[in-house]
């Protein structure tokens, strides 16, 4: 939903102020667009997948992004739990999630994917657009640093990845360009004069 500063729904957004979306975690993108992250089942093969949807500033789906406005990356039989989405200043979209252990006494892992501004997996990032690492063991928040590095946070654990998706052996940190908390029952974004709220499971309130 989108609200005006007076607390009234902005009826110019979506349908009477409400846009129906795929998930509950969102971030602002270049040009006042909105990216929304979710965990879905890929209809083409029934595998679990990370999904990113991009909306225009008026709440309509951006058909120029990926396949009709939504990009997918399959995770096979791995089941992601918490996740976060982030848009960088160049229009690329980052999405991370925690992955359940592959077996008994195995650690949880972190999956991190990057999509180009066109909605395609970025082949220069990780392994053809995605990297999976044991470090941090999940994803409850994410931040982009001025160096281009990416911080992934899960509780008190922090991992740092390079701009090409490689895990660093240390976490030097650095100034933050943009950050976002992970999948909560709701989340919000503020920009001049308006509030956008996203409520699980399928509504984006601006």
Protein backbone atom coordinates (compact mmCIF):
# COMPACT_ATOMS: atom_id res chain seq x y z
CA UNK A 1 0.00 0.00 0.00
CA UNK A 2 1.10 3.55 -0.49
CA UNK A 3 0.07 6.20 1.99
CA UNK A 4 0.29 9.95 1.67
CA UNK A 5 1.79 11.95 4.52
CA UNK A 6 -1.78 12.64 5.68
CA UNK A 7 -2.25 8.90 6.33
CA UNK A 8 -4.64 8.44 3.42
CA UNK A 9 -4.10 5.70 0.83
CA UNK A 10 -2.60 7.03 -2.40
CA UNK A 11 -5.16 5.85 -4.94
CA UNK A 12 -2.80 6.62 -7.84
CA UNK A 13 -0.76 3.57 -6.83
CA UNK A 14 -1.84 0.10 -7.96
CA UNK A 15 -5.55 -0.41 -7.47
CA UNK A 16 -6.84 2.18 -5.02
CA UNK A 17 -3.47 2.29 -3.27
CA UNK A 18 -2.74 -1.45 -3.22
CA UNK A 19 -0.57 -3.59 -5.52
CA UNK A 20 -0.57 -7.38 -5.29
CA UNK A 21 2.94 -8.83 -5.36
CA UNK A 22 4.77 -12.14 -4.95
CA UNK A 23 6.26 -11.66 -1.48
CA UNK A 24 6.82 -9.58 1.59
CA UNK A 25 10.35 -8.16 1.35
CA UNK A 26 10.95 -5.08 -0.75
CA UNK A 27 13.43 -2.32 -1.53
CA UNK A 28 13.42 0.89 -3.50
CA UNK A 29 15.26 0.87 -6.83
CA UNK A 30 16.49 3.40 -9.40
CA UNK A 31 13.76 5.66 -10.76
CA UNK A 32 11.51 5.14 -7.72
CA UNK A 33 10.80 1.58 -8.84
CA UNK A 34 10.22 -1.19 -6.31
CA UNK A 35 11.83 -4.63 -6.16
CA UNK A 36 10.11 -7.38 -4.21
CA UNK A 37 11.70 -10.67 -3.15
CA UNK A 38 10.02 -13.98 -2.40
CA UNK A 39 10.49 -17.74 -2.21
CA UNK A 40 8.36 -19.49 -4.83
CA UNK A 41 7.96 -22.77 -6.68
CA UNK A 42 9.20 -22.54 -10.26
CA UNK A 43 6.18 -23.60 -12.36
CA UNK A 44 8.45 -24.96 -15.10
CA UNK A 45 10.07 -27.65 -12.94
CA UNK A 46 8.47 -27.50 -9.45
CA UNK A 47 11.80 -26.59 -7.84
CA UNK A 48 12.16 -24.05 -5.05
CA UNK A 49 13.37 -20.74 -6.39
CA UNK A 50 14.34 -17.23 -5.36
CA UNK A 51 12.09 -14.73 -7.13
CA UNK A 52 12.45 -11.00 -7.73
CA UNK A 53 9.62 -8.86 -9.05
CA UNK A 54 10.03 -5.25 -10.16
CA UNK A 55 7.24 -2.69 -10.08
CA UNK A 56 7.00 0.74 -11.60
CA UNK A 57 6.49 3.70 -9.30
CA UNK A 58 2.73 3.55 -9.92
CA UNK A 59 2.49 -0.05 -8.67
CA UNK A 60 2.24 -1.76 -12.06
CA UNK A 61 4.58 -4.65 -12.88
CA UNK A 62 7.59 -3.63 -14.99
CA UNK A 63 7.27 -5.88 -18.05
CA UNK A 64 10.78 -4.92 -19.24
CA UNK A 65 12.33 -6.75 -16.27
CA UNK A 66 13.17 -10.45 -16.86
CA UNK A 67 10.15 -12.50 -17.91
CA UNK A 68 7.22 -10.12 -17.75
CA UNK A 69 8.45 -8.42 -14.59
CA UNK A 70 9.69 -11.39 -12.53
CA UNK A 71 13.09 -13.13 -12.42
CA UNK A 72 13.73 -16.60 -10.97
CA UNK A 73 16.78 -18.59 -9.88
CA UNK A 74 16.24 -22.24 -8.97
CA UNK A 75 17.73 -23.75 -5.81
CA UNK A 76 16.85 -27.35 -6.58
CA UNK A 77 15.55 -29.25 -3.57
CA UNK A 78 17.17 -26.85 -1.11
CA UNK A 79 14.61 -24.98 0.95
CA UNK A 80 15.36 -21.30 1.68
CA UNK A 81 14.01 -19.72 4.85
CA UNK A 82 14.77 -16.06 5.58
CA UNK A 83 15.66 -13.78 2.70
CA UNK A 84 16.35 -10.16 1.75
CA UNK A 85 16.38 -8.15 -1.47
CA UNK A 86 18.39 -5.06 -2.33
CA UNK A 87 18.78 -2.79 -5.39
CA UNK A 88 22.11 -1.11 -6.07
CA UNK A 89 22.58 2.37 -7.62
CA UNK A 90 23.23 0.80 -11.05
CA UNK A 91 19.86 -0.96 -11.07
CA UNK A 92 21.22 -4.45 -10.33
CA UNK A 93 19.23 -6.49 -7.81
CA UNK A 94 20.77 -8.60 -5.05
CA UNK A 95 18.86 -11.30 -3.23
CA UNK A 96 20.11 -13.52 -0.43
CA UNK A 97 18.51 -16.32 1.54
CA UNK A 98 19.35 -18.91 4.13
CA UNK A 99 19.37 -22.54 3.05
CA UNK A 100 18.43 -25.41 5.31
CA UNK A 101 21.21 -27.96 6.05
CA UNK A 102 21.75 -30.69 3.48
CA UNK A 103 21.79 -33.35 6.19
CA UNK A 104 22.19 -34.08 9.90
CA UNK A 105 24.95 -32.11 11.61
CA UNK A 106 25.47 -30.07 8.47
CA UNK A 107 25.54 -26.26 8.70
CA UNK A 108 23.00 -23.92 7.18
CA UNK A 109 24.25 -22.00 4.18
CA UNK A 110 23.76 -18.63 2.53
CA UNK A 111 22.68 -18.22 -1.10
CA UNK A 112 23.43 -14.87 -2.76
CA UNK A 113 22.29 -14.00 -6.30
CA UNK A 114 22.65 -10.92 -8.45
CA UNK A 115 20.36 -9.94 -11.32
CA UNK A 116 21.18 -7.27 -13.88
CA UNK A 117 18.91 -4.26 -14.36
CA UNK A 118 17.30 -6.24 -17.20
CA UNK A 119 16.41 -9.08 -14.81
CA UNK A 120 18.97 -11.63 -16.03
CA UNK A 121 21.34 -13.50 -13.72
CA UNK A 122 24.66 -11.65 -13.81
CA UNK A 123 27.24 -14.11 -15.26
CA UNK A 124 30.12 -12.07 -13.77
CA UNK A 125 28.84 -12.74 -10.24
CA UNK A 126 29.62 -15.98 -8.40
CA UNK A 127 28.84 -19.07 -10.46
CA UNK A 128 26.76 -17.71 -13.34
CA UNK A 129 24.95 -15.27 -11.08
CA UNK A 130 24.71 -17.10 -7.76
CA UNK A 131 27.07 -18.07 -4.96
CA UNK A 132 26.43 -20.42 -2.03
CA UNK A 133 28.60 -20.30 1.09
CA UNK A 134 28.55 -21.67 4.63
CA UNK A 135 29.67 -18.33 6.08
CA UNK A 136 26.98 -16.52 8.11
CA UNK A 137 24.70 -19.52 7.64
CA UNK A 138 21.70 -17.47 6.62
CA UNK A 139 20.44 -14.04 5.68
CA UNK A 140 18.38 -11.78 7.90
CA UNK A 141 19.76 -8.51 6.47
CA UNK A 142 22.03 -7.30 3.69
CA UNK A 143 24.05 -4.16 2.92
CA UNK A 144 25.97 -2.82 -0.07
CA UNK A 145 29.24 -1.02 0.75
CA UNK A 146 30.90 1.85 -1.12
CA UNK A 147 33.65 -0.58 -2.17
CA UNK A 148 31.05 -2.71 -3.96
CA UNK A 149 31.35 -5.45 -1.34
CA UNK A 150 28.20 -7.01 0.12
CA UNK A 151 27.56 -7.67 3.79
CA UNK A 152 25.22 -10.53 4.69
CA UNK A 153 23.97 -10.72 8.27
CA UNK A 154 22.29 -13.57 10.10
CA UNK A 155 21.75 -12.83 13.78
CA UNK A 156 25.20 -12.08 15.18
CA UNK A 157 27.02 -13.67 12.23
CA UNK A 158 28.33 -11.46 9.42
CA UNK A 159 29.93 -12.44 6.10
CA UNK A 160 31.44 -10.17 3.47
CA UNK A 161 31.42 -10.91 -0.25
CA UNK A 162 33.28 -9.09 -3.02
CA UNK A 163 31.42 -7.36 -5.84
CA UNK A 164 32.06 -10.48 -7.95
CA UNK A 165 30.45 -12.79 -5.38
CA UNK A 166 33.57 -14.27 -3.75
CA UNK A 167 33.53 -14.81 0.01
CA UNK A 168 36.17 -12.80 1.87
CA UNK A 169 38.23 -14.46 4.59
CA UNK A 170 37.73 -11.46 6.89
CA UNK A 171 35.01 -8.87 7.44
CA UNK A 172 36.67 -5.44 7.15
CA UNK A 173 33.30 -3.75 6.67
CA UNK A 174 33.11 -0.20 5.31
CA UNK A 175 30.70 2.66 4.64
CA UNK A 176 27.20 1.52 3.66
CA UNK A 177 25.49 2.73 0.49
CA UNK A 178 22.17 0.99 1.03
CA UNK A 179 20.84 -1.78 3.30
CA UNK A 180 17.69 -3.77 3.91
CA UNK A 181 16.31 -6.06 6.57
CA UNK A 182 15.14 -9.51 5.61
CA UNK A 183 11.77 -11.19 5.27
CA UNK A 184 9.54 -10.10 8.12
CA UNK A 185 5.76 -10.32 8.39
CA UNK A 186 5.85 -6.74 7.11
CA UNK A 187 8.40 -4.17 6.06
CA UNK A 188 8.34 -0.56 5.01
CA UNK A 189 10.17 1.95 2.86
CA UNK A 190 9.95 5.73 3.08
CA UNK A 191 10.66 8.25 0.39
CA UNK A 192 9.84 11.99 0.31
CA UNK A 193 6.20 12.49 1.13
CA UNK A 194 5.08 8.83 1.08
CA UNK A 195 5.29 5.51 2.92
CA UNK A 196 5.27 2.09 1.30
CA UNK A 197 4.35 -0.93 3.39
CA UNK A 198 4.64 -4.56 2.38
CA UNK A 199 2.59 -7.16 4.21
CA UNK A 200 3.03 -10.93 3.89
CA UNK A 201 1.98 -12.78 1.89
CA UNK A 202 0.93 -10.91 -1.24
CA UNK A 203 0.39 -7.21 -0.80
CA UNK A 204 2.56 -4.19 -1.29
CA UNK A 205 1.19 -1.05 0.29
CA UNK A 206 2.52 2.19 -0.90
